[in-house]
Protein backbone atom coordinates (compact mmCIF):
# COMPACT_ATOMS: atom_id res chain seq x y z
CA MET A 1 31.44 82.14 160.32
CA THR A 2 30.01 85.53 159.07
CA TYR A 3 31.94 88.16 158.17
CA ALA A 4 30.98 90.18 161.13
CA LYS A 5 32.61 87.99 163.67
CA TYR A 6 35.78 86.98 161.27
CA ASP A 7 35.94 91.17 160.77
CA GLU A 8 35.42 91.34 164.99
CA LEU A 9 37.97 88.35 165.76
CA LEU A 10 40.32 89.84 163.50
CA LYS A 11 39.95 93.20 165.33
CA LYS A 12 40.08 91.40 169.09
CA LYS A 13 43.28 89.38 167.75
CA ARG A 14 45.60 92.42 166.14
CA THR A 15 44.35 94.40 169.69
CA TRP A 16 46.05 91.51 171.77
CA TYR A 17 48.75 91.23 169.69
CA LYS A 18 49.62 95.31 169.56
CA ALA A 19 49.56 94.85 173.33
CA ALA A 20 51.70 91.93 173.37
CA GLN A 21 54.55 94.22 172.76
CA LYS A 22 57.27 92.00 173.52
CA SER A 23 58.88 88.94 175.05
CA PHE A 24 61.66 87.68 176.35
CA CYS A 25 62.92 84.32 175.29
CA PRO A 26 65.29 82.79 177.47
CA ILE A 27 66.73 80.07 175.14
CA LEU A 28 67.88 83.04 172.57
CA LYS A 29 68.42 85.34 175.94
CA GLU A 30 66.63 88.27 173.81
CA ASP A 31 63.58 90.44 173.53
CA ILE A 32 61.24 88.46 171.02
CA PHE A 33 59.16 91.75 169.50
CA PHE A 34 55.46 91.29 168.03
CA THR A 35 55.76 94.20 164.55
CA SER A 36 53.59 94.77 162.20
CA LYS A 37 55.22 92.20 159.68
CA GLY A 38 53.99 88.87 161.86
CA PHE A 39 50.56 90.08 161.98
CA ARG A 40 50.85 90.53 158.34
CA HIS A 41 52.78 87.14 157.80
CA LEU A 42 49.38 85.57 159.70
CA LEU A 43 46.90 86.83 157.16
CA TYR A 44 49.42 86.76 153.87
CA ASP A 45 51.86 84.44 152.45
CA GLY A 46 55.64 84.77 151.65
CA LEU A 47 54.63 86.05 148.15
CA GLY A 48 51.83 88.57 149.45
CA HIS A 49 49.00 86.24 148.46
CA ALA A 50 46.18 86.73 151.01
CA ARG A 51 45.54 83.49 152.85
CA SER A 52 42.18 81.90 153.54
CA ARG A 53 39.52 83.19 155.71
CA ARG A 54 39.62 79.44 157.01
CA LYS A 55 43.51 79.70 157.29
CA ARG A 56 43.95 83.05 158.83
CA MET A 57 41.31 82.29 161.86
CA TYR A 58 43.45 79.07 162.37
CA LYS A 59 46.94 81.28 162.46
CA VAL A 60 45.23 84.15 164.42
CA GLY A 61 43.43 82.15 166.88
CA LEU A 62 47.19 80.15 168.29
CA LEU A 63 48.37 83.76 169.04
CA PRO A 64 47.52 83.04 172.59
CA LEU A 65 49.90 80.19 172.97
CA VAL A 66 53.10 81.83 170.67
CA ILE A 67 54.22 83.62 174.22
CA PRO A 68 54.04 79.97 176.17
CA VAL A 69 56.14 78.98 173.43
CA ILE A 70 58.72 81.79 173.16
CA LYS A 71 59.03 81.13 177.42
CA SER A 72 59.00 77.56 177.28
CA ALA A 73 61.01 76.44 174.64
CA THR A 74 63.86 74.75 175.94
CA LYS A 75 65.85 74.24 172.57
CA ILE A 76 66.03 75.62 169.00
CA ASP A 77 64.18 73.59 167.19
CA GLU A 78 65.64 74.96 163.27
CA TYR A 79 68.05 77.62 162.82
CA LYS A 80 68.66 79.17 159.53
CA PRO A 81 71.69 81.50 159.19
CA PRO A 82 71.74 84.95 157.85
CA ALA A 83 71.12 85.09 154.41
CA TYR A 84 70.52 87.68 151.64
CA SER A 85 67.14 88.24 150.72
CA GLU A 86 66.25 89.39 147.67
CA LYS A 87 62.83 91.00 148.37
CA LEU A 88 63.57 92.40 151.47
CA LYS A 89 67.87 93.12 149.99
CA LYS A 90 68.78 92.81 153.58
CA MET A 91 70.36 89.51 155.40
CA VAL A 92 67.38 87.46 157.06
CA GLU A 93 67.64 84.86 159.52
CA PHE A 94 65.45 82.42 161.27
CA TRP A 95 64.90 80.63 164.30
CA THR A 96 62.39 77.75 165.14
CA LEU A 97 61.10 77.09 168.38
CA GLN A 98 58.60 74.26 169.54
CA SER A 99 57.02 73.20 172.79
CA VAL A 100 54.19 71.33 174.23
CA VAL A 101 51.72 74.40 175.44
CA GLY A 102 47.64 75.59 175.82
CA LYS A 103 45.27 73.13 177.94
CA GLN A 104 45.34 70.94 175.18
CA ASN A 105 49.04 70.11 175.20
CA THR A 106 49.40 70.80 171.88
CA THR A 107 52.80 71.14 170.11
CA VAL A 108 52.86 74.65 168.77
CA THR A 109 55.61 75.69 166.05
CA VAL A 110 56.52 79.22 166.12
CA VAL A 111 58.80 80.83 163.71
CA LEU A 112 61.18 83.91 164.62
CA ARG A 113 62.58 86.10 162.07
CA LYS A 114 65.72 88.77 161.98
CA ILE A 115 65.99 91.12 159.26
CA GLY A 116 69.63 93.13 159.14
CA THR A 117 70.20 94.63 162.03
CA GLY A 118 66.91 94.64 163.50
CA ASN A 119 65.13 92.78 166.52
CA ILE A 120 64.07 89.32 166.32
CA HIS A 121 60.30 89.48 165.53
CA PHE A 122 57.52 87.04 165.85
CA TYR A 123 57.36 85.63 161.84
CA SER A 124 54.67 82.69 162.12
CA VAL A 125 52.59 80.17 163.83
CA TRP A 126 51.27 76.53 163.48
CA LYS A 127 50.54 73.16 165.71
CA LYS A 128 51.60 69.78 164.97
CA GLN A 129 48.48 68.11 163.39
CA ASP A 130 46.67 65.13 165.53
CA ARG A 131 47.74 62.84 163.05
CA GLN A 132 49.80 62.87 159.65
CA LYS A 133 48.27 63.99 156.20
CA THR A 134 49.30 61.08 153.92
CA LYS A 135 50.37 61.75 150.45
CA LYS A 136 49.31 60.58 146.94
CA PRO A 137 52.06 58.78 145.17
CA ARG A 138 52.22 60.56 141.84
CA ASP A 139 51.81 58.72 138.44
């Protein structure tokens, strides 16, 4: 993918993301907000290192599936209760939702986060791989 196409796609997805603003999550009975923190996490990892272009394209490419997951998840797949984040200097809690969505009936996982007393916001997304990567045994 050329830099121009990459930049164009990133701009298009950022525009979609800003327009989304929020989505109601029936399972949490709360609005989930689409903040700049969530979009930034698609481009940079938790340590602030830039993700590869390929990884960025993968993550932003899944954005259209995020709202369907938020709306259709029937259970909370994983919950991490509030814990103090040294980096953020606040309590942080996480929810993981999973649902089969999209034209290809793909299992998509969405991570939601709440910092301190703020709103719950979108934090990350990935899809279940078609086949498990085999781990090489360590010597």
